[in-house]
mmCIF file of all heavy atoms, coordinates in Angstrom:
data_MODEL
# 
_entry.id   MODEL 
# 
loop_
_atom_site.group_PDB 
_atom_site.id 
_atom_site.type_symbol 
_atom_site.label_atom_id 
_atom_site.label_alt_id 
_atom_site.label_comp_id 
_atom_site.label_asym_id 
_atom_site.label_entity_id 
_atom_site.label_seq_id 
_atom_site.pdbx_PDB_ins_code 
_atom_site.Cartn_x 
_atom_site.Cartn_y 
_atom_site.Cartn_z 
_atom_site.occupancy 
_atom_site.B_iso_or_equiv 
_atom_site.pdbx_formal_charge 
_atom_site.auth_seq_id 
_atom_site.auth_comp_id 
_atom_site.auth_asym_id 
_atom_site.auth_atom_id 
_atom_site.pdbx_PDB_model_num 
ATOM 1   N N   . TRP A 1 1  ? 13.217  -0.908  1.519   1.00 0.00 ? 1  TRP A N   1 
ATOM 2   C CA  . TRP A 1 1  ? 13.173  -1.641  0.212   1.00 0.00 ? 1  TRP A CA  1 
ATOM 3   C C   . TRP A 1 1  ? 14.060  -2.877  0.156   1.00 0.00 ? 1  TRP A C   1 
ATOM 4   O O   . TRP A 1 1  ? 14.355  -3.323  -0.872  1.00 0.00 ? 1  TRP A O   1 
ATOM 5   C CB  . TRP A 1 1  ? 13.613  -0.591  -0.867  1.00 0.00 ? 1  TRP A CB  1 
ATOM 6   C CG  . TRP A 1 1  ? 12.755  0.572   -1.007  1.00 0.00 ? 1  TRP A CG  1 
ATOM 7   C CD1 . TRP A 1 1  ? 11.557  0.795   -0.400  1.00 0.00 ? 1  TRP A CD1 1 
ATOM 8   C CD2 . TRP A 1 1  ? 12.903  1.713   -1.820  1.00 0.00 ? 1  TRP A CD2 1 
ATOM 9   N NE1 . TRP A 1 1  ? 11.034  1.999   -0.770  1.00 0.00 ? 1  TRP A NE1 1 
ATOM 10  C CE2 . TRP A 1 1  ? 11.830  2.618   -1.648  1.00 0.00 ? 1  TRP A CE2 1 
ATOM 11  C CE3 . TRP A 1 1  ? 13.934  2.033   -2.810  1.00 0.00 ? 1  TRP A CE3 1 
ATOM 12  C CZ2 . TRP A 1 1  ? 11.672  3.829   -2.357  1.00 0.00 ? 1  TRP A CZ2 1 
ATOM 13  C CZ3 . TRP A 1 1  ? 13.854  3.257   -3.458  1.00 0.00 ? 1  TRP A CZ3 1 
ATOM 14  C CH2 . TRP A 1 1  ? 12.736  4.101   -3.206  1.00 0.00 ? 1  TRP A CH2 1 
ATOM 15  N N   . LYS A 1 2  ? 14.470  -3.301  1.330   1.00 0.00 ? 2  LYS A N   1 
ATOM 16  C CA  . LYS A 1 2  ? 15.334  -4.539  1.332   1.00 0.00 ? 2  LYS A CA  1 
ATOM 17  C C   . LYS A 1 2  ? 14.585  -5.815  1.202   1.00 0.00 ? 2  LYS A C   1 
ATOM 18  O O   . LYS A 1 2  ? 15.102  -6.859  0.816   1.00 0.00 ? 2  LYS A O   1 
ATOM 19  C CB  . LYS A 1 2  ? 16.160  -4.573  2.610   1.00 0.00 ? 2  LYS A CB  1 
ATOM 20  C CG  . LYS A 1 2  ? 17.156  -3.434  2.800   1.00 0.00 ? 2  LYS A CG  1 
ATOM 21  C CD  . LYS A 1 2  ? 17.995  -3.600  4.023   1.00 0.00 ? 2  LYS A CD  1 
ATOM 22  C CE  . LYS A 1 2  ? 17.135  -3.416  5.264   1.00 0.00 ? 2  LYS A CE  1 
ATOM 23  N NZ  . LYS A 1 2  ? 17.917  -3.581  6.520   1.00 0.00 ? 2  LYS A NZ  1 
ATOM 24  N N   . LYS A 1 3  ? 13.267  -5.771  1.547   1.00 0.00 ? 3  LYS A N   1 
ATOM 25  C CA  . LYS A 1 3  ? 12.493  -7.028  1.540   1.00 0.00 ? 3  LYS A CA  1 
ATOM 26  C C   . LYS A 1 3  ? 11.195  -6.831  0.718   1.00 0.00 ? 3  LYS A C   1 
ATOM 27  O O   . LYS A 1 3  ? 10.459  -5.963  0.903   1.00 0.00 ? 3  LYS A O   1 
ATOM 28  C CB  . LYS A 1 3  ? 12.106  -7.378  2.973   1.00 0.00 ? 3  LYS A CB  1 
ATOM 29  C CG  . LYS A 1 3  ? 11.233  -8.621  3.043   1.00 0.00 ? 3  LYS A CG  1 
ATOM 30  C CD  . LYS A 1 3  ? 10.852  -8.929  4.499   1.00 0.00 ? 3  LYS A CD  1 
ATOM 31  C CE  . LYS A 1 3  ? 10.007  -10.223 4.582   1.00 0.00 ? 3  LYS A CE  1 
ATOM 32  N NZ  . LYS A 1 3  ? 9.632   -10.555 6.009   1.00 0.00 ? 3  LYS A NZ  1 
ATOM 33  N N   . VAL A 1 4  ? 10.996  -7.766  -0.236  1.00 0.00 ? 4  VAL A N   1 
ATOM 34  C CA  . VAL A 1 4  ? 9.823   -7.817  -1.102  1.00 0.00 ? 4  VAL A CA  1 
ATOM 35  C C   . VAL A 1 4  ? 8.793   -8.757  -0.403  1.00 0.00 ? 4  VAL A C   1 
ATOM 36  O O   . VAL A 1 4  ? 9.159   -9.933  -0.172  1.00 0.00 ? 4  VAL A O   1 
ATOM 37  C CB  . VAL A 1 4  ? 10.065  -8.216  -2.481  1.00 0.00 ? 4  VAL A CB  1 
ATOM 38  C CG1 . VAL A 1 4  ? 8.890   -8.230  -3.359  1.00 0.00 ? 4  VAL A CG1 1 
ATOM 39  C CG2 . VAL A 1 4  ? 11.224  -7.379  -3.121  1.00 0.00 ? 4  VAL A CG2 1 
ATOM 40  N N   . THR A 1 5  ? 7.654   -8.318  -0.156  1.00 0.00 ? 5  THR A N   1 
ATOM 41  C CA  . THR A 1 5  ? 6.636   -9.131  0.481   1.00 0.00 ? 5  THR A CA  1 
ATOM 42  C C   . THR A 1 5  ? 5.802   -9.830  -0.485  1.00 0.00 ? 5  THR A C   1 
ATOM 43  O O   . THR A 1 5  ? 5.895   -9.564  -1.784  1.00 0.00 ? 5  THR A O   1 
ATOM 44  C CB  . THR A 1 5  ? 5.731   -8.237  1.376   1.00 0.00 ? 5  THR A CB  1 
ATOM 45  O OG1 . THR A 1 5  ? 4.825   -7.504  0.608   1.00 0.00 ? 5  THR A OG1 1 
ATOM 46  C CG2 . THR A 1 5  ? 6.538   -7.374  2.328   1.00 0.00 ? 5  THR A CG2 1 
ATOM 47  N N   . GLY A 1 6  ? 4.918   -10.694 -0.178  1.00 0.00 ? 6  GLY A N   1 
ATOM 48  C CA  . GLY A 1 6  ? 3.963   -11.360 -0.945  1.00 0.00 ? 6  GLY A CA  1 
ATOM 49  C C   . GLY A 1 6  ? 2.596   -10.565 -1.129  1.00 0.00 ? 6  GLY A C   1 
ATOM 50  O O   . GLY A 1 6  ? 1.747   -11.128 -1.850  1.00 0.00 ? 6  GLY A O   1 
ATOM 51  N N   . THR A 1 7  ? 2.573   -9.350  -0.547  1.00 0.00 ? 7  THR A N   1 
ATOM 52  C CA  . THR A 1 7  ? 1.301   -8.532  -0.541  1.00 0.00 ? 7  THR A CA  1 
ATOM 53  C C   . THR A 1 7  ? 1.379   -7.664  -1.762  1.00 0.00 ? 7  THR A C   1 
ATOM 54  O O   . THR A 1 7  ? 2.373   -7.025  -2.011  1.00 0.00 ? 7  THR A O   1 
ATOM 55  C CB  . THR A 1 7  ? 1.239   -7.735  0.751   1.00 0.00 ? 7  THR A CB  1 
ATOM 56  O OG1 . THR A 1 7  ? 1.231   -8.618  1.890   1.00 0.00 ? 7  THR A OG1 1 
ATOM 57  C CG2 . THR A 1 7  ? -0.029  -6.931  0.723   1.00 0.00 ? 7  THR A CG2 1 
ATOM 58  N N   . THR A 1 8  ? 0.253   -7.558  -2.501  1.00 0.00 ? 8  THR A N   1 
ATOM 59  C CA  . THR A 1 8  ? 0.231   -6.624  -3.523  1.00 0.00 ? 8  THR A CA  1 
ATOM 60  C C   . THR A 1 8  ? -0.070  -5.197  -3.055  1.00 0.00 ? 8  THR A C   1 
ATOM 61  O O   . THR A 1 8  ? -0.631  -5.046  -1.893  1.00 0.00 ? 8  THR A O   1 
ATOM 62  C CB  . THR A 1 8  ? -0.892  -6.973  -4.597  1.00 0.00 ? 8  THR A CB  1 
ATOM 63  O OG1 . THR A 1 8  ? -2.142  -6.724  -3.992  1.00 0.00 ? 8  THR A OG1 1 
ATOM 64  C CG2 . THR A 1 8  ? -0.652  -8.354  -5.027  1.00 0.00 ? 8  THR A CG2 1 
ATOM 65  N N   . ILE A 1 9  ? 0.342   -4.262  -3.680  1.00 0.00 ? 9  ILE A N   1 
ATOM 66  C CA  . ILE A 1 9  ? 0.094   -2.811  -3.227  1.00 0.00 ? 9  ILE A CA  1 
ATOM 67  C C   . ILE A 1 9  ? -1.400  -2.554  -3.105  1.00 0.00 ? 9  ILE A C   1 
ATOM 68  O O   . ILE A 1 9  ? -1.909  -1.828  -2.359  1.00 0.00 ? 9  ILE A O   1 
ATOM 69  C CB  . ILE A 1 9  ? 0.691   -1.806  -4.218  1.00 0.00 ? 9  ILE A CB  1 
ATOM 70  C CG1 . ILE A 1 9  ? 0.216   -1.866  -5.611  1.00 0.00 ? 9  ILE A CG1 1 
ATOM 71  C CG2 . ILE A 1 9  ? 2.248   -1.865  -4.131  1.00 0.00 ? 9  ILE A CG2 1 
ATOM 72  C CD1 . ILE A 1 9  ? 0.720   -0.741  -6.549  1.00 0.00 ? 9  ILE A CD1 1 
ATOM 73  N N   . PHE A 1 10 ? -2.200  -3.206  -3.947  1.00 0.00 ? 10 PHE A N   1 
ATOM 74  C CA  . PHE A 1 10 ? -3.655  -3.029  -3.891  1.00 0.00 ? 10 PHE A CA  1 
ATOM 75  C C   . PHE A 1 10 ? -4.295  -3.634  -2.643  1.00 0.00 ? 10 PHE A C   1 
ATOM 76  O O   . PHE A 1 10 ? -5.144  -3.050  -2.088  1.00 0.00 ? 10 PHE A O   1 
ATOM 77  C CB  . PHE A 1 10 ? -4.314  -3.623  -5.161  1.00 0.00 ? 10 PHE A CB  1 
ATOM 78  C CG  . PHE A 1 10 ? -3.650  -3.220  -6.430  1.00 0.00 ? 10 PHE A CG  1 
ATOM 79  C CD1 . PHE A 1 10 ? -2.978  -4.100  -7.187  1.00 0.00 ? 10 PHE A CD1 1 
ATOM 80  C CD2 . PHE A 1 10 ? -3.655  -1.879  -6.835  1.00 0.00 ? 10 PHE A CD2 1 
ATOM 81  C CE1 . PHE A 1 10 ? -2.284  -3.719  -8.377  1.00 0.00 ? 10 PHE A CE1 1 
ATOM 82  C CE2 . PHE A 1 10 ? -3.040  -1.500  -8.053  1.00 0.00 ? 10 PHE A CE2 1 
ATOM 83  C CZ  . PHE A 1 10 ? -2.442  -2.318  -8.784  1.00 0.00 ? 10 PHE A CZ  1 
ATOM 84  N N   . GLU A 1 11 ? -3.738  -4.757  -2.239  1.00 0.00 ? 11 GLU A N   1 
ATOM 85  C CA  . GLU A 1 11 ? -4.223  -5.407  -0.968  1.00 0.00 ? 11 GLU A CA  1 
ATOM 86  C C   . GLU A 1 11 ? -3.863  -4.456  0.189   1.00 0.00 ? 11 GLU A C   1 
ATOM 87  O O   . GLU A 1 11 ? -4.702  -4.330  1.176   1.00 0.00 ? 11 GLU A O   1 
ATOM 88  C CB  . GLU A 1 11 ? -3.529  -6.720  -0.773  1.00 0.00 ? 11 GLU A CB  1 
ATOM 89  C CG  . GLU A 1 11 ? -4.075  -7.818  -1.753  1.00 0.00 ? 11 GLU A CG  1 
ATOM 90  C CD  . GLU A 1 11 ? -3.252  -9.107  -1.732  1.00 0.00 ? 11 GLU A CD  1 
ATOM 91  O OE1 . GLU A 1 11 ? -2.080  -9.033  -1.387  1.00 0.00 ? 11 GLU A OE1 1 
ATOM 92  O OE2 . GLU A 1 11 ? -3.789  -10.099 -2.149  1.00 0.00 ? 11 GLU A OE2 1 
ATOM 93  N N   . LEU A 1 12 ? -2.682  -3.907  0.157   1.00 0.00 ? 12 LEU A N   1 
ATOM 94  C CA  . LEU A 1 12 ? -2.329  -2.961  1.243   1.00 0.00 ? 12 LEU A CA  1 
ATOM 95  C C   . LEU A 1 12 ? -3.231  -1.686  1.252   1.00 0.00 ? 12 LEU A C   1 
ATOM 96  O O   . LEU A 1 12 ? -3.742  -1.291  2.338   1.00 0.00 ? 12 LEU A O   1 
ATOM 97  C CB  . LEU A 1 12 ? -0.833  -2.580  1.085   1.00 0.00 ? 12 LEU A CB  1 
ATOM 98  C CG  . LEU A 1 12 ? -0.353  -1.641  2.130   1.00 0.00 ? 12 LEU A CG  1 
ATOM 99  C CD1 . LEU A 1 12 ? -0.474  -2.143  3.515   1.00 0.00 ? 12 LEU A CD1 1 
ATOM 100 C CD2 . LEU A 1 12 ? 1.117   -1.234  1.859   1.00 0.00 ? 12 LEU A CD2 1 
ATOM 101 N N   . ILE A 1 13 ? -3.380  -1.110  0.068   1.00 0.00 ? 13 ILE A N   1 
ATOM 102 C CA  . ILE A 1 13 ? -4.238  0.089   0.040   1.00 0.00 ? 13 ILE A CA  1 
ATOM 103 C C   . ILE A 1 13 ? -5.673  -0.105  0.419   1.00 0.00 ? 13 ILE A C   1 
ATOM 104 O O   . ILE A 1 13 ? -6.252  0.694   1.214   1.00 0.00 ? 13 ILE A O   1 
ATOM 105 C CB  . ILE A 1 13 ? -4.180  0.662   -1.396  1.00 0.00 ? 13 ILE A CB  1 
ATOM 106 C CG1 . ILE A 1 13 ? -2.709  1.115   -1.792  1.00 0.00 ? 13 ILE A CG1 1 
ATOM 107 C CG2 . ILE A 1 13 ? -5.138  1.851   -1.541  1.00 0.00 ? 13 ILE A CG2 1 
ATOM 108 C CD1 . ILE A 1 13 ? -2.584  1.390   -3.250  1.00 0.00 ? 13 ILE A CD1 1 
ATOM 109 N N   . ASP A 1 14 ? -6.197  -1.271  0.166   1.00 0.00 ? 14 ASP A N   1 
ATOM 110 C CA  . ASP A 1 14 ? -7.516  -1.629  0.474   1.00 0.00 ? 14 ASP A CA  1 
ATOM 111 C C   . ASP A 1 14 ? -7.714  -1.603  2.065   1.00 0.00 ? 14 ASP A C   1 
ATOM 112 O O   . ASP A 1 14 ? -8.902  -1.391  2.507   1.00 0.00 ? 14 ASP A O   1 
ATOM 113 C CB  . ASP A 1 14 ? -7.922  -2.969  -0.066  1.00 0.00 ? 14 ASP A CB  1 
ATOM 114 C CG  . ASP A 1 14 ? -8.245  -2.902  -1.512  1.00 0.00 ? 14 ASP A CG  1 
ATOM 115 O OD1 . ASP A 1 14 ? -8.380  -1.743  -2.074  1.00 0.00 ? 14 ASP A OD1 1 
ATOM 116 O OD2 . ASP A 1 14 ? -8.184  -3.991  -2.127  1.00 0.00 ? 14 ASP A OD2 1 
ATOM 117 N N   . ARG A 1 15 ? -6.684  -1.882  2.793   1.00 0.00 ? 15 ARG A N   1 
ATOM 118 C CA  . ARG A 1 15 ? -6.799  -1.847  4.265   1.00 0.00 ? 15 ARG A CA  1 
ATOM 119 C C   . ARG A 1 15 ? -6.951  -0.487  4.863   1.00 0.00 ? 15 ARG A C   1 
ATOM 120 O O   . ARG A 1 15 ? -7.521  -0.323  5.928   1.00 0.00 ? 15 ARG A O   1 
ATOM 121 C CB  . ARG A 1 15 ? -5.483  -2.427  4.868   1.00 0.00 ? 15 ARG A CB  1 
ATOM 122 C CG  . ARG A 1 15 ? -5.273  -3.879  4.519   1.00 0.00 ? 15 ARG A CG  1 
ATOM 123 C CD  . ARG A 1 15 ? -3.919  -4.235  5.022   1.00 0.00 ? 15 ARG A CD  1 
ATOM 124 N NE  . ARG A 1 15 ? -3.506  -5.668  4.568   1.00 0.00 ? 15 ARG A NE  1 
ATOM 125 C CZ  . ARG A 1 15 ? -2.331  -6.206  4.551   1.00 0.00 ? 15 ARG A CZ  1 
ATOM 126 N NH1 . ARG A 1 15 ? -1.230  -5.375  4.923   1.00 0.00 ? 15 ARG A NH1 1 
ATOM 127 N NH2 . ARG A 1 15 ? -2.100  -7.442  4.258   1.00 0.00 ? 15 ARG A NH2 1 
ATOM 128 N N   . TYR A 1 16 ? -6.578  0.598   4.086   1.00 0.00 ? 16 TYR A N   1 
ATOM 129 C CA  . TYR A 1 16 ? -6.628  1.868   4.584   1.00 0.00 ? 16 TYR A CA  1 
ATOM 130 C C   . TYR A 1 16 ? -7.501  2.920   3.771   1.00 0.00 ? 16 TYR A C   1 
ATOM 131 O O   . TYR A 1 16 ? -7.714  4.014   4.266   1.00 0.00 ? 16 TYR A O   1 
ATOM 132 C CB  . TYR A 1 16 ? -5.190  2.474   4.643   1.00 0.00 ? 16 TYR A CB  1 
ATOM 133 C CG  . TYR A 1 16 ? -4.269  1.760   5.448   1.00 0.00 ? 16 TYR A CG  1 
ATOM 134 C CD1 . TYR A 1 16 ? -3.364  0.750   4.899   1.00 0.00 ? 16 TYR A CD1 1 
ATOM 135 C CD2 . TYR A 1 16 ? -4.171  1.975   6.821   1.00 0.00 ? 16 TYR A CD2 1 
ATOM 136 C CE1 . TYR A 1 16 ? -2.440  0.053   5.746   1.00 0.00 ? 16 TYR A CE1 1 
ATOM 137 C CE2 . TYR A 1 16 ? -3.301  1.216   7.646   1.00 0.00 ? 16 TYR A CE2 1 
ATOM 138 C CZ  . TYR A 1 16 ? -2.473  0.309   7.091   1.00 0.00 ? 16 TYR A CZ  1 
ATOM 139 O OH  . TYR A 1 16 ? -1.550  -0.414  7.885   1.00 0.00 ? 16 TYR A OH  1 
ATOM 140 N N   . LYS A 1 17 ? -8.017  2.489   2.676   1.00 0.00 ? 17 LYS A N   1 
ATOM 141 C CA  . LYS A 1 17 ? -8.563  3.448   1.731   1.00 0.00 ? 17 LYS A CA  1 
ATOM 142 C C   . LYS A 1 17 ? -9.744  4.286   2.338   1.00 0.00 ? 17 LYS A C   1 
ATOM 143 O O   . LYS A 1 17 ? -9.971  5.346   1.918   1.00 0.00 ? 17 LYS A O   1 
ATOM 144 C CB  . LYS A 1 17 ? -9.056  2.712   0.437   1.00 0.00 ? 17 LYS A CB  1 
ATOM 145 C CG  . LYS A 1 17 ? -10.115 1.707   0.657   1.00 0.00 ? 17 LYS A CG  1 
ATOM 146 C CD  . LYS A 1 17 ? -10.519 0.979   -0.642  1.00 0.00 ? 17 LYS A CD  1 
ATOM 147 C CE  . LYS A 1 17 ? -11.533 -0.039  -0.522  1.00 0.00 ? 17 LYS A CE  1 
ATOM 148 N NZ  . LYS A 1 17 ? -11.900 -0.749  -1.781  1.00 0.00 ? 17 LYS A NZ  1 
ATOM 149 N N   . GLU A 1 18 ? -10.448 3.734   3.289   1.00 0.00 ? 18 GLU A N   1 
ATOM 150 C CA  . GLU A 1 18 ? -11.664 4.348   3.862   1.00 0.00 ? 18 GLU A CA  1 
ATOM 151 C C   . GLU A 1 18 ? -11.177 5.368   5.001   1.00 0.00 ? 18 GLU A C   1 
ATOM 152 O O   . GLU A 1 18 ? -12.022 6.127   5.453   1.00 0.00 ? 18 GLU A O   1 
ATOM 153 C CB  . GLU A 1 18 ? -12.610 3.410   4.393   1.00 0.00 ? 18 GLU A CB  1 
ATOM 154 C CG  . GLU A 1 18 ? -13.109 2.388   3.422   1.00 0.00 ? 18 GLU A CG  1 
ATOM 155 C CD  . GLU A 1 18 ? -13.916 3.003   2.214   1.00 0.00 ? 18 GLU A CD  1 
ATOM 156 O OE1 . GLU A 1 18 ? -14.462 4.041   2.481   1.00 0.00 ? 18 GLU A OE1 1 
ATOM 157 O OE2 . GLU A 1 18 ? -13.983 2.410   1.199   1.00 0.00 ? 18 GLU A OE2 1 
ATOM 158 N N   . ARG A 1 19 ? -9.948  5.296   5.378   1.00 0.00 ? 19 ARG A N   1 
ATOM 159 C CA  . ARG A 1 19 ? -9.477  6.015   6.609   1.00 0.00 ? 19 ARG A CA  1 
ATOM 160 C C   . ARG A 1 19 ? -8.426  7.171   6.321   1.00 0.00 ? 19 ARG A C   1 
ATOM 161 O O   . ARG A 1 19 ? -8.182  7.925   7.224   1.00 0.00 ? 19 ARG A O   1 
ATOM 162 C CB  . ARG A 1 19 ? -8.815  5.076   7.613   1.00 0.00 ? 19 ARG A CB  1 
ATOM 163 C CG  . ARG A 1 19 ? -9.676  3.799   7.857   1.00 0.00 ? 19 ARG A CG  1 
ATOM 164 C CD  . ARG A 1 19 ? -10.747 4.102   8.948   1.00 0.00 ? 19 ARG A CD  1 
ATOM 165 N NE  . ARG A 1 19 ? -10.196 4.189   10.238  1.00 0.00 ? 19 ARG A NE  1 
ATOM 166 C CZ  . ARG A 1 19 ? -9.986  3.088   11.029  1.00 0.00 ? 19 ARG A CZ  1 
ATOM 167 N NH1 . ARG A 1 19 ? -10.197 1.906   10.512  1.00 0.00 ? 19 ARG A NH1 1 
ATOM 168 N NH2 . ARG A 1 19 ? -9.494  3.261   12.213  1.00 0.00 ? 19 ARG A NH2 1 
ATOM 169 N N   . ILE A 1 20 ? -7.943  7.228   5.083   1.00 0.00 ? 20 ILE A N   1 
ATOM 170 C CA  . ILE A 1 20 ? -6.816  8.147   4.886   1.00 0.00 ? 20 ILE A CA  1 
ATOM 171 C C   . ILE A 1 20 ? -7.241  9.105   3.703   1.00 0.00 ? 20 ILE A C   1 
ATOM 172 O O   . ILE A 1 20 ? -8.269  8.918   2.979   1.00 0.00 ? 20 ILE A O   1 
ATOM 173 C CB  . ILE A 1 20 ? -5.614  7.328   4.350   1.00 0.00 ? 20 ILE A CB  1 
ATOM 174 C CG1 . ILE A 1 20 ? -5.862  6.529   3.146   1.00 0.00 ? 20 ILE A CG1 1 
ATOM 175 C CG2 . ILE A 1 20 ? -5.007  6.557   5.543   1.00 0.00 ? 20 ILE A CG2 1 
ATOM 176 C CD1 . ILE A 1 20 ? -4.599  5.982   2.525   1.00 0.00 ? 20 ILE A CD1 1 
ATOM 177 N N   . LYS A 1 21 ? -6.403  10.147  3.557   1.00 0.00 ? 21 LYS A N   1 
ATOM 178 C CA  . LYS A 1 21 ? -6.631  11.154  2.497   1.00 0.00 ? 21 LYS A CA  1 
ATOM 179 C C   . LYS A 1 21 ? -5.600  11.052  1.478   1.00 0.00 ? 21 LYS A C   1 
ATOM 180 O O   . LYS A 1 21 ? -5.833  11.354  0.280   1.00 0.00 ? 21 LYS A O   1 
ATOM 181 C CB  . LYS A 1 21 ? -6.726  12.579  3.196   1.00 0.00 ? 21 LYS A CB  1 
ATOM 182 C CG  . LYS A 1 21 ? -7.031  13.633  2.259   1.00 0.00 ? 21 LYS A CG  1 
ATOM 183 C CD  . LYS A 1 21 ? -7.124  14.986  3.001   1.00 0.00 ? 21 LYS A CD  1 
ATOM 184 C CE  . LYS A 1 21 ? -7.459  16.130  2.003   1.00 0.00 ? 21 LYS A CE  1 
ATOM 185 N NZ  . LYS A 1 21 ? -7.580  17.437  2.680   1.00 0.00 ? 21 LYS A NZ  1 
ATOM 186 N N   . TYR A 1 22 ? -4.316  10.728  1.911   1.00 0.00 ? 22 TYR A N   1 
ATOM 187 C CA  . TYR A 1 22 ? -3.213  10.801  1.065   1.00 0.00 ? 22 TYR A CA  1 
ATOM 188 C C   . TYR A 1 22 ? -2.564  9.374   0.803   1.00 0.00 ? 22 TYR A C   1 
ATOM 189 O O   . TYR A 1 22 ? -2.433  8.659   1.756   1.00 0.00 ? 22 TYR A O   1 
ATOM 190 C CB  . TYR A 1 22 ? -2.148  11.717  1.561   1.00 0.00 ? 22 TYR A CB  1 
ATOM 191 C CG  . TYR A 1 22 ? -2.621  13.146  1.706   1.00 0.00 ? 22 TYR A CG  1 
ATOM 192 C CD1 . TYR A 1 22 ? -2.932  13.630  2.953   1.00 0.00 ? 22 TYR A CD1 1 
ATOM 193 C CD2 . TYR A 1 22 ? -2.748  13.963  0.582   1.00 0.00 ? 22 TYR A CD2 1 
ATOM 194 C CE1 . TYR A 1 22 ? -3.412  14.908  3.168   1.00 0.00 ? 22 TYR A CE1 1 
ATOM 195 C CE2 . TYR A 1 22 ? -3.175  15.274  0.753   1.00 0.00 ? 22 TYR A CE2 1 
ATOM 196 C CZ  . TYR A 1 22 ? -3.496  15.737  2.054   1.00 0.00 ? 22 TYR A CZ  1 
ATOM 197 O OH  . TYR A 1 22 ? -3.948  17.087  2.217   1.00 0.00 ? 22 TYR A OH  1 
ATOM 198 N N   . LEU A 1 23 ? -2.200  9.065   -0.404  1.00 0.00 ? 23 LEU A N   1 
ATOM 199 C CA  . LEU A 1 23 ? -1.496  7.905   -0.763  1.00 0.00 ? 23 LEU A CA  1 
ATOM 200 C C   . LEU A 1 23 ? -0.236  8.250   -1.583  1.00 0.00 ? 23 LEU A C   1 
ATOM 201 O O   . LEU A 1 23 ? -0.379  8.864   -2.580  1.00 0.00 ? 23 LEU A O   1 
ATOM 202 C CB  . LEU A 1 23 ? -2.380  6.891   -1.468  1.00 0.00 ? 23 LEU A CB  1 
ATOM 203 C CG  . LEU A 1 23 ? -1.736  5.687   -2.121  1.00 0.00 ? 23 LEU A CG  1 
ATOM 204 C CD1 . LEU A 1 23 ? -1.291  4.717   -1.075  1.00 0.00 ? 23 LEU A CD1 1 
ATOM 205 C CD2 . LEU A 1 23 ? -2.745  5.020   -3.140  1.00 0.00 ? 23 LEU A CD2 1 
ATOM 206 N N   . MET A 1 24 ? 0.940   7.732   -1.128  1.00 0.00 ? 24 MET A N   1 
ATOM 207 C CA  . MET A 1 24 ? 2.125   7.989   -1.947  1.00 0.00 ? 24 MET A CA  1 
ATOM 208 C C   . MET A 1 24 ? 2.629   6.663   -2.413  1.00 0.00 ? 24 MET A C   1 
ATOM 209 O O   . MET A 1 24 ? 2.764   5.726   -1.674  1.00 0.00 ? 24 MET A O   1 
ATOM 210 C CB  . MET A 1 24 ? 3.239   8.645   -1.029  1.00 0.00 ? 24 MET A CB  1 
ATOM 211 C CG  . MET A 1 24 ? 4.503   8.857   -1.792  1.00 0.00 ? 24 MET A CG  1 
ATOM 212 S SD  . MET A 1 24 ? 5.780   9.534   -0.637  1.00 0.00 ? 24 MET A SD  1 
ATOM 213 C CE  . MET A 1 24 ? 5.002   10.975  -0.066  1.00 0.00 ? 24 MET A CE  1 
ATOM 214 N N   . CYS A 1 25 ? 2.842   6.524   -3.716  1.00 0.00 ? 25 CYS A N   1 
ATOM 215 C CA  . CYS A 1 25 ? 3.293   5.234   -4.344  1.00 0.00 ? 25 CYS A CA  1 
ATOM 216 C C   . CYS A 1 25 ? 4.635   5.459   -5.021  1.00 0.00 ? 25 CYS A C   1 
ATOM 217 O O   . CYS A 1 25 ? 4.676   6.284   -6.001  1.00 0.00 ? 25 CYS A O   1 
ATOM 218 C CB  . CYS A 1 25 ? 2.205   4.682   -5.205  1.00 0.00 ? 25 CYS A CB  1 
ATOM 219 S SG  . CYS A 1 25 ? 2.728   3.077   -5.944  1.00 0.00 ? 25 CYS A SG  1 
ATOM 220 N N   . THR A 1 26 ? 5.610   4.650   -4.664  1.00 0.00 ? 26 THR A N   1 
ATOM 221 C CA  . THR A 1 26 ? 6.901   4.795   -5.320  1.00 0.00 ? 26 THR A CA  1 
ATOM 222 C C   . THR A 1 26 ? 7.153   3.467   -6.069  1.00 0.00 ? 26 THR A C   1 
ATOM 223 O O   . THR A 1 26 ? 7.075   2.410   -5.559  1.00 0.00 ? 26 THR A O   1 
ATOM 224 C CB  . THR A 1 26 ? 8.066   4.888   -4.177  1.00 0.00 ? 26 THR A CB  1 
ATOM 225 O OG1 . THR A 1 26 ? 7.883   6.083   -3.479  1.00 0.00 ? 26 THR A OG1 1 
ATOM 226 C CG2 . THR A 1 26 ? 9.389   4.949   -4.925  1.00 0.00 ? 26 THR A CG2 1 
ATOM 227 N N   . ASP A 1 27 ? 7.468   3.650   -7.367  1.00 0.00 ? 27 ASP A N   1 
ATOM 228 C CA  . ASP A 1 27 ? 7.882   2.561   -8.249  1.00 0.00 ? 27 ASP A CA  1 
ATOM 229 C C   . ASP A 1 27 ? 9.358   2.377   -8.081  1.00 0.00 ? 27 ASP A C   1 
ATOM 230 O O   . ASP A 1 27 ? 10.127  3.142   -8.729  1.00 0.00 ? 27 ASP A O   1 
ATOM 231 C CB  . ASP A 1 27 ? 7.343   2.723   -9.651  1.00 0.00 ? 27 ASP A CB  1 
ATOM 232 C CG  . ASP A 1 27 ? 7.672   1.511   -10.549 1.00 0.00 ? 27 ASP A CG  1 
ATOM 233 O OD1 . ASP A 1 27 ? 8.636   0.685   -10.185 1.00 0.00 ? 27 ASP A OD1 1 
ATOM 234 O OD2 . ASP A 1 27 ? 6.986   1.398   -11.504 1.00 0.00 ? 27 ASP A OD2 1 
# 
């Protein structure tokens, strides 16, 4: 959590959504 990227969480999830079963999201 030291570095904030320019990627949105939705852009990241979209890369994996067809391949995974579980998603953990921490606010």
